[in-house]
C-alpha atoms as a PDB file:
ATOM      1  CA  UNK A   1      96.300 113.562  88.221  1.00  0.00           C
ATOM      2  CA  UNK A   2      93.926 111.226  89.488  1.00  0.00           C
ATOM      3  CA  UNK A   3      90.984 109.748  87.489  1.00  0.00           C
ATOM      4  CA  UNK A   4      87.718 109.182  88.965  1.00  0.00           C
ATOM      5  CA  UNK A   5      86.895 112.709  90.673  1.00  0.00           C
ATOM      6  CA  UNK A   6      84.070 114.044  88.926  1.00  0.00           C
ATOM      7  CA  UNK A   7      84.181 117.161  90.513  1.00  0.00           C
ATOM      8  CA  UNK A   8      87.577 117.926  89.515  1.00  0.00           C
ATOM      9  CA  UNK A   9      87.738 116.464  86.521  1.00  0.00           C
ATOM     10  CA  UNK A  10      90.307 113.875  87.561  1.00  0.00           C
ATOM     11  CA  UNK A  11      88.513 111.429  85.761  1.00  0.00           C
ATOM     12  CA  UNK A  12      89.344 109.465  82.530  1.00  0.00           C
ATOM     13  CA  UNK A  13      87.346 111.453  80.540  1.00  0.00           C
ATOM     14  CA  UNK A  14      89.032 114.775  81.665  1.00  0.00           C
ATOM     15  CA  UNK A  15      92.439 114.333  80.106  1.00  0.00           C
ATOM     16  CA  UNK A  16      90.584 112.633  77.248  1.00  0.00           C
ATOM     17  CA  UNK A  17      89.006 116.147  76.241  1.00  0.00           C
ATOM     18  CA  UNK A  18      92.450 117.509  76.122  1.00  0.00           C
ATOM     19  CA  UNK A  19      94.157 115.134  74.234  1.00  0.00           C
ATOM     20  CA  UNK A  20      91.852 114.244  71.773  1.00  0.00           C
ATOM     21  CA  UNK A  21      92.289 117.830  70.150  1.00  0.00           C
ATOM     22  CA  UNK A  22      96.395 117.081  69.734  1.00  0.00           C
ATOM     23  CA  UNK A  23      96.781 113.490  69.413  1.00  0.00           C
ATOM     24  CA  UNK A  24      95.162 113.270  65.787  1.00  0.00           C
ATOM     25  CA  UNK A  25      98.016 115.010  64.646  1.00  0.00           C
ATOM     26  CA  UNK A  26     100.533 113.357  66.349  1.00  0.00           C
ATOM     27  CA  UNK A  27      99.322 109.773  65.412  1.00  0.00           C
ATOM     28  CA  UNK A  28      99.389 111.020  61.926  1.00  0.00           C
ATOM     29  CA  UNK A  29     103.324 111.990  62.264  1.00  0.00           C
ATOM     30  CA  UNK A  30     104.023 108.567  63.962  1.00  0.00           C
ATOM     31  CA  UNK A  31     102.376 106.774  61.111  1.00  0.00           C
ATOM     32  CA  UNK A  32     104.297 108.663  58.378  1.00  0.00           C
ATOM     33  CA  UNK A  33     107.645 108.286  60.279  1.00  0.00           C
ATOM     34  CA  UNK A  34     107.325 104.225  59.793  1.00  0.00           C
ATOM     35  CA  UNK A  35     105.596 101.905  57.239  1.00  0.00           C
ATOM     36  CA  UNK A  36     106.051  99.097  59.184  1.00  0.00           C
ATOM     37  CA  UNK A  37     102.910  97.334  60.981  1.00  0.00           C
ATOM     38  CA  UNK A  38     102.667  94.817  63.771  1.00  0.00           C
ATOM     39  CA  UNK A  39     102.448  91.387  63.001  1.00  0.00           C
ATOM     40  CA  UNK A  40      99.341  89.053  63.775  1.00  0.00           C
ATOM     41  CA  UNK A  41      99.116  87.922  67.159  1.00  0.00           C
ATOM     42  CA  UNK A  42      99.540  84.185  66.100  1.00  0.00           C
ATOM     43  CA  UNK A  43     102.646  85.567  63.968  1.00  0.00           C
ATOM     44  CA  UNK A  44     104.459  87.029  66.807  1.00  0.00           C
ATOM     45  CA  UNK A  45     107.979  88.740  66.214  1.00  0.00           C
ATOM     46  CA  UNK A  46     109.679  86.239  64.506  1.00  0.00           C
ATOM     47  CA  UNK A  47     107.525  86.609  61.672  1.00  0.00           C
ATOM     48  CA  UNK A  48     107.699  90.402  61.388  1.00  0.00           C
ATOM     49  CA  UNK A  49     111.511  90.011  61.432  1.00  0.00           C
ATOM     50  CA  UNK A  50     111.697  87.436  58.688  1.00  0.00           C
ATOM     51  CA  UNK A  51     109.071  89.511  56.545  1.00  0.00           C
ATOM     52  CA  UNK A  52     110.264  93.013  56.764  1.00  0.00           C
ATOM     53  CA  UNK A  53     113.993  92.619  58.153  1.00  0.00           C
ATOM     54  CA  UNK A  54     113.498  95.289  60.461  1.00  0.00           C
ATOM     55  CA  UNK A  55     111.425  95.821  63.809  1.00  0.00           C
ATOM     56  CA  UNK A  56     107.776  96.582  63.199  1.00  0.00           C
ATOM     57  CA  UNK A  57     105.944  99.541  64.507  1.00  0.00           C
ATOM     58  CA  UNK A  58     105.526  98.876  68.233  1.00  0.00           C
ATOM     59  CA  UNK A  59     102.668  99.713  70.178  1.00  0.00           C
ATOM     60  CA  UNK A  60     104.911 101.263  72.804  1.00  0.00           C
ATOM     61  CA  UNK A  61     108.010 103.257  72.376  1.00  0.00           C
ATOM     62  CA  UNK A  62     111.399 102.022  73.940  1.00  0.00           C
ATOM     63  CA  UNK A  63     111.352 102.445  77.434  1.00  0.00           C
ATOM     64  CA  UNK A  64     113.377 104.639  79.535  1.00  0.00           C
ATOM     65  CA  UNK A  65     116.976 103.243  79.906  1.00  0.00           C
ATOM     66  CA  UNK A  66     117.177 100.229  81.932  1.00  0.00           C
ATOM     67  CA  UNK A  67     112.995 100.473  82.691  1.00  0.00           C
ATOM     68  CA  UNK A  68     112.879  97.297  80.659  1.00  0.00           C
ATOM     69  CA  UNK A  69     115.017  95.087  82.787  1.00  0.00           C
ATOM     70  CA  UNK A  70     113.318  92.539  85.229  1.00  0.00           C
ATOM     71  CA  UNK A  71     112.201  93.806  88.775  1.00  0.00           C
ATOM     72  CA  UNK A  72     112.575  92.164  91.673  1.00  0.00           C
ATOM     73  CA  UNK A  73     110.639  93.284  94.773  1.00  0.00           C
ATOM     74  CA  UNK A  74     110.845  92.051  98.422  1.00  0.00           C
ATOM     75  CA  UNK A  75     107.651  90.002  99.286  1.00  0.00           C
ATOM     76  CA  UNK A  76     105.278  92.399 101.044  1.00  0.00           C
ATOM     77  CA  UNK A  77     107.193  95.451  99.761  1.00  0.00           C
ATOM     78  CA  UNK A  78     104.617  98.327  98.672  1.00  0.00           C
ATOM     79  CA  UNK A  79     107.052 101.054  97.144  1.00  0.00           C
ATOM     80  CA  UNK A  80     108.081 100.781  93.695  1.00  0.00           C
ATOM     81  CA  UNK A  81     111.816 101.380  92.287  1.00  0.00           C
ATOM     82  CA  UNK A  82     110.316 104.729  90.927  1.00  0.00           C
ATOM     83  CA  UNK A  83     109.395 105.545  94.825  1.00  0.00           C
ATOM     84  CA  UNK A  84     105.747 105.302  94.152  1.00  0.00           C
ATOM     85  CA  UNK A  85     103.742 103.757  97.363  1.00  0.00           C
ATOM     86  CA  UNK A  86     101.359 101.360  95.772  1.00  0.00           C
ATOM     87  CA  UNK A  87      98.997 100.886  99.059  1.00  0.00           C
ATOM     88  CA  UNK A  88      95.319 101.211  98.096  1.00  0.00           C
ATOM     89  CA  UNK A  89      94.016 103.995 100.031  1.00  0.00           C
ATOM     90  CA  UNK A  90      90.295 105.166  98.780  1.00  0.00           C
ATOM     91  CA  UNK A  91      88.108 103.646  95.999  1.00  0.00           C
ATOM     92  CA  UNK A  92      86.086 106.118  93.838  1.00  0.00           C
ATOM     93  CA  UNK A  93      84.100 105.311  90.608  1.00  0.00           C
ATOM     94  CA  UNK A  94      85.193 101.743  90.913  1.00  0.00           C
ATOM     95  CA  UNK A  95      88.788 102.207  90.952  1.00  0.00           C
ATOM     96  CA  UNK A  96      91.414 102.340  93.712  1.00  0.00           C
ATOM     97  CA  UNK A  97      94.002 104.982  94.345  1.00  0.00           C
ATOM     98  CA  UNK A  98      96.905 105.608  96.778  1.00  0.00           C
ATOM     99  CA  UNK A  99      97.660 108.512  99.318  1.00  0.00           C
ATOM    100  CA  UNK A 100      98.742 110.844  96.420  1.00  0.00           C
ATOM    101  CA  UNK A 101      95.727 109.809  93.979  1.00  0.00           C
ATOM    102  CA  UNK A 102      97.831 107.826  91.592  1.00  0.00           C
ATOM    103  CA  UNK A 103      95.651 104.649  90.418  1.00  0.00           C
ATOM    104  CA  UNK A 104      96.699 101.385  92.167  1.00  0.00           C
ATOM    105  CA  UNK A 105      95.322  98.135  92.537  1.00  0.00           C
ATOM    106  CA  UNK A 106      93.697  95.926  95.592  1.00  0.00           C
ATOM    107  CA  UNK A 107      93.487  92.153  95.763  1.00  0.00           C
ATOM    108  CA  UNK A 108      91.917  90.596  98.744  1.00  0.00           C
ATOM    109  CA  UNK A 109      91.983  87.054  99.465  1.00  0.00           C
ATOM    110  CA  UNK A 110      92.796  86.259  95.928  1.00  0.00           C
ATOM    111  CA  UNK A 111      89.899  88.312  94.546  1.00  0.00           C
ATOM    112  CA  UNK A 112      91.154  91.349  92.234  1.00  0.00           C
ATOM    113  CA  UNK A 113      89.131  94.597  92.095  1.00  0.00           C
ATOM    114  CA  UNK A 114      87.384  95.144  89.062  1.00  0.00           C
ATOM    115  CA  UNK A 115      89.620  97.539  87.211  1.00  0.00           C
ATOM    116  CA  UNK A 116      92.417  95.577  87.242  1.00  0.00           C
ATOM    117  CA  UNK A 117      90.538  92.471  86.163  1.00  0.00           C
ATOM    118  CA  UNK A 118      89.268  95.156  83.092  1.00  0.00           C
ATOM    119  CA  UNK A 119      92.762  96.034  82.779  1.00  0.00           C
ATOM    120  CA  UNK A 120      93.853  92.328  81.762  1.00  0.00           C
ATOM    121  CA  UNK A 121      91.096  92.137  79.416  1.00  0.00           C
ATOM    122  CA  UNK A 122      91.880  95.576  77.865  1.00  0.00           C
ATOM    123  CA  UNK A 123      95.336  95.061  77.564  1.00  0.00           C
ATOM    124  CA  UNK A 124      95.200  91.633  75.722  1.00  0.00           C
ATOM    125  CA  UNK A 125      92.469  93.312  73.452  1.00  0.00           C
ATOM    126  CA  UNK A 126      94.841  95.950  72.339  1.00  0.00           C
ATOM    127  CA  UNK A 127      98.075  95.763  73.306  1.00  0.00           C
ATOM    128  CA  UNK A 128      99.569  92.122  73.623  1.00  0.00           C
ATOM    129  CA  UNK A 129     100.398  91.856  70.093  1.00  0.00           C
ATOM    130  CA  UNK A 130     103.275  93.724  70.326  1.00  0.00           C
ATOM    131  CA  UNK A 131     104.092  93.905  74.161  1.00  0.00           C
ATOM    132  CA  UNK A 132     103.432  90.232  74.386  1.00  0.00           C
ATOM    133  CA  UNK A 133     100.862  88.112  76.566  1.00  0.00           C
ATOM    134  CA  UNK A 134     100.638  89.652  80.065  1.00  0.00           C
ATOM    135  CA  UNK A 135     103.195  92.318  79.474  1.00  0.00           C
ATOM    136  CA  UNK A 136     105.976  90.169  79.060  1.00  0.00           C
ATOM    137  CA  UNK A 137     107.503  91.931  76.095  1.00  0.00           C
ATOM    138  CA  UNK A 138     108.730  90.642  72.849  1.00  0.00           C
ATOM    139  CA  UNK A 139     111.674  91.147  70.566  1.00  0.00           C
ATOM    140  CA  UNK A 140     110.476  94.655  69.380  1.00  0.00           C
ATOM    141  CA  UNK A 141     108.623  96.137  72.448  1.00  0.00           C
ATOM    142  CA  UNK A 142     109.280  96.216  75.934  1.00  0.00           C
ATOM    143  CA  UNK A 143     107.947  94.369  78.718  1.00  0.00           C
ATOM    144  CA  UNK A 144     105.640  96.760  80.212  1.00  0.00           C
ATOM    145  CA  UNK A 145     105.107  94.914  83.370  1.00  0.00           C
ATOM    146  CA  UNK A 146     108.654  95.955  84.099  1.00  0.00           C
ATOM    147  CA  UNK A 147     108.422  99.528  82.660  1.00  0.00           C
ATOM    148  CA  UNK A 148     105.386 100.534  84.631  1.00  0.00           C
ATOM    149  CA  UNK A 149     107.636  99.869  88.096  1.00  0.00           C
ATOM    150  CA  UNK A 150     110.079 102.449  87.071  1.00  0.00           C
ATOM    151  CA  UNK A 151     108.644 105.155  85.051  1.00  0.00           C
ATOM    152  CA  UNK A 152     106.783 107.872  86.350  1.00  0.00           C
ATOM    153  CA  UNK A 153     102.744 107.407  86.122  1.00  0.00           C
ATOM    154  CA  UNK A 154     102.310 110.621  84.012  1.00  0.00           C
ATOM    155  CA  UNK A 155     104.952 109.470  81.837  1.00  0.00           C
ATOM    156  CA  UNK A 156     103.382 106.332  80.942  1.00  0.00           C
ATOM    157  CA  UNK A 157     100.066 108.448  80.278  1.00  0.00           C
ATOM    158  CA  UNK A 158     101.917 110.759  78.184  1.00  0.00           C
ATOM    159  CA  UNK A 159     103.384 107.864  76.054  1.00  0.00           C
ATOM    160  CA  UNK A 160     100.242 106.135  75.697  1.00  0.00           C
ATOM    161  CA  UNK A 161      98.299 109.414  74.641  1.00  0.00           C
ATOM    162  CA  UNK A 162     100.650 111.112  72.310  1.00  0.00           C
ATOM    163  CA  UNK A 163     102.941 107.931  71.322  1.00  0.00           C
ATOM    164  CA  UNK A 164     106.604 108.255  70.981  1.00  0.00           C
ATOM    165  CA  UNK A 165     109.615 107.659  68.265  1.00  0.00           C
ATOM    166  CA  UNK A 166     111.992 104.713  69.378  1.00  0.00           C
ATOM    167  CA  UNK A 167     115.442 103.857  67.803  1.00  0.00           C
ATOM    168  CA  UNK A 168     113.876 101.118  65.499  1.00  0.00           C
ATOM    169  CA  UNK A 169     109.882 101.406  66.329  1.00  0.00           C
ATOM    170  CA  UNK A 170     107.061 104.107  66.685  1.00  0.00           C
ATOM    171  CA  UNK A 171     104.430 103.852  69.225  1.00  0.00           C
ATOM    172  CA  UNK A 172     101.195 105.228  67.823  1.00  0.00           C
ATOM    173  CA  UNK A 173      99.229 108.041  69.633  1.00  0.00           C
ATOM    174  CA  UNK A 174      96.382 106.200  71.474  1.00  0.00           C
ATOM    175  CA  UNK A 175      94.652 109.208  73.032  1.00  0.00           C
ATOM    176  CA  UNK A 176      91.789 109.171  70.496  1.00  0.00           C
ATOM    177  CA  UNK A 177      91.396 105.557  70.554  1.00  0.00           C
ATOM    178  CA  UNK A 178      88.540 105.175  73.153  1.00  0.00           C
ATOM    179  CA  UNK A 179      89.098 101.576  73.607  1.00  0.00           C
ATOM    180  CA  UNK A 180      92.564 102.155  75.211  1.00  0.00           C
ATOM    181  CA  UNK A 181      92.144 105.575  76.395  1.00  0.00           C
ATOM    182  CA  UNK A 182      88.892 105.301  78.253  1.00  0.00           C
ATOM    183  CA  UNK A 183      90.687 102.428  79.934  1.00  0.00           C
ATOM    184  CA  UNK A 184      94.483 103.541  80.131  1.00  0.00           C
ATOM    185  CA  UNK A 185      94.246 103.336  84.372  1.00  0.00           C
ATOM    186  CA  UNK A 186      92.934 100.039  84.286  1.00  0.00           C
ATOM    187  CA  UNK A 187      95.576  99.008  82.161  1.00  0.00           C
ATOM    188  CA  UNK A 188      98.186 100.713  84.134  1.00  0.00           C
ATOM    189  CA  UNK A 189      97.032  99.065  87.366  1.00  0.00           C
ATOM    190  CA  UNK A 190      97.114  95.594  85.684  1.00  0.00           C
ATOM    191  CA  UNK A 191     100.533  95.979  84.818  1.00  0.00           C
ATOM    192  CA  UNK A 192     101.264  96.978  88.311  1.00  0.00           C
ATOM    193  CA  UNK A 193      99.817  93.911  89.824  1.00  0.00           C
ATOM    194  CA  UNK A 194     101.471  91.549  87.648  1.00  0.00           C
ATOM    195  CA  UNK A 195     104.615  93.578  87.444  1.00  0.00           C
ATOM    196  CA  UNK A 196     105.034  93.406  91.510  1.00  0.00           C
ATOM    197  CA  UNK A 197     104.277  89.631  91.319  1.00  0.00           C
ATOM    198  CA  UNK A 198     100.877  89.953  93.068  1.00  0.00           C
ATOM    199  CA  UNK A 199      99.060  88.304  90.248  1.00  0.00           C
ATOM    200  CA  UNK A 200     100.224  85.564  87.999  1.00  0.00           C
ATOM    201  CA  UNK A 201     100.347  85.349  84.339  1.00  0.00           C
ATOM    202  CA  UNK A 202      96.991  84.412  82.730  1.00  0.00           C
ATOM    203  CA  UNK A 203      93.393  85.661  83.600  1.00  0.00           C
ATOM    204  CA  UNK A 204      92.702  86.303  87.328  1.00  0.00           C
ATOM    205  CA  UNK A 205      90.739  83.749  88.612  1.00  0.00           C
ATOM    206  CA  UNK A 206      88.500  85.931  91.039  1.00  0.00           C
ATOM    207  CA  UNK A 207      87.398  89.504  90.258  1.00  0.00           C
ATOM    208  CA  UNK A 208      85.157  91.859  92.537  1.00  0.00           C
ATOM    209  CA  UNK A 209      81.783  93.086  90.856  1.00  0.00           C
ATOM    210  CA  UNK A 210      81.925  95.574  88.706  1.00  0.00           C
ATOM    211  CA  UNK A 211      80.032  98.681  90.237  1.00  0.00           C
ATOM    212  CA  UNK A 212      77.600 101.194  88.997  1.00  0.00           C
ATOM    213  CA  UNK A 213      80.174 104.107  89.642  1.00  0.00           C
ATOM    214  CA  UNK A 214      82.296 102.193  87.229  1.00  0.00           C
ATOM    215  CA  UNK A 215      79.924 101.672  84.617  1.00  0.00           C
ATOM    216  CA  UNK A 216      78.731 105.548  84.672  1.00  0.00           C
ATOM    217  CA  UNK A 217      82.409 106.575  83.951  1.00  0.00           C
ATOM    218  CA  UNK A 218      83.004 104.267  81.650  1.00  0.00           C
ATOM    219  CA  UNK A 219      79.652 105.174  79.681  1.00  0.00           C
ATOM    220  CA  UNK A 220      80.799 108.942  80.080  1.00  0.00           C
ATOM    221  CA  UNK A 221      84.296 108.368  78.711  1.00  0.00           C
ATOM    222  CA  UNK A 222      83.022 105.946  75.575  1.00  0.00           C
ATOM    223  CA  UNK A 223      79.986 108.793  74.775  1.00  0.00           C
ATOM    224  CA  UNK A 224      82.452 111.549  74.006  1.00  0.00           C
END
């Protein structure tokens, strides 16, 4: 599945239209499965453990076995442990894709493509409370910068859209949260870029401009 093609419904809005109808029920089940809630961003995991004695509900489920472990890639390597080639080949609607039509990032002379930059912003607006700044993980949620290098792209989408029950935590479904789902590919490519070491921690210093095509795609998804 490739987001960004309007004629083949591979844009973010296409999958959103399918997920919206089912993820409300999934989210409700996830909410019923736990009474815990994430701590405020400034409190951190330690505060949650001190007040509850158990792990709080996490924004992401426990990763696939071993997927949270640190990943070391050779300098210049373009193939991830999951077998995906991250080489950018085509750009559509302001986003870059590899030869298989899976979202990826592009960095030229230190300038990060807009979608990857926006993924940094969206991640820190919606995900960092549980998963830690820059996808580095916490005591109760995995380091997504490592997980995305091992799990399949479609598995990543599925977990974000529908949520997942973990051993000591529950990830709620985000398929109906447009602030997450309309930018799920941006979050994904940001985590890829950081996980592979192509961008350091923190806000990218330079970014490409936001294209008119990206804006149109964004407006279409947010208006659904």
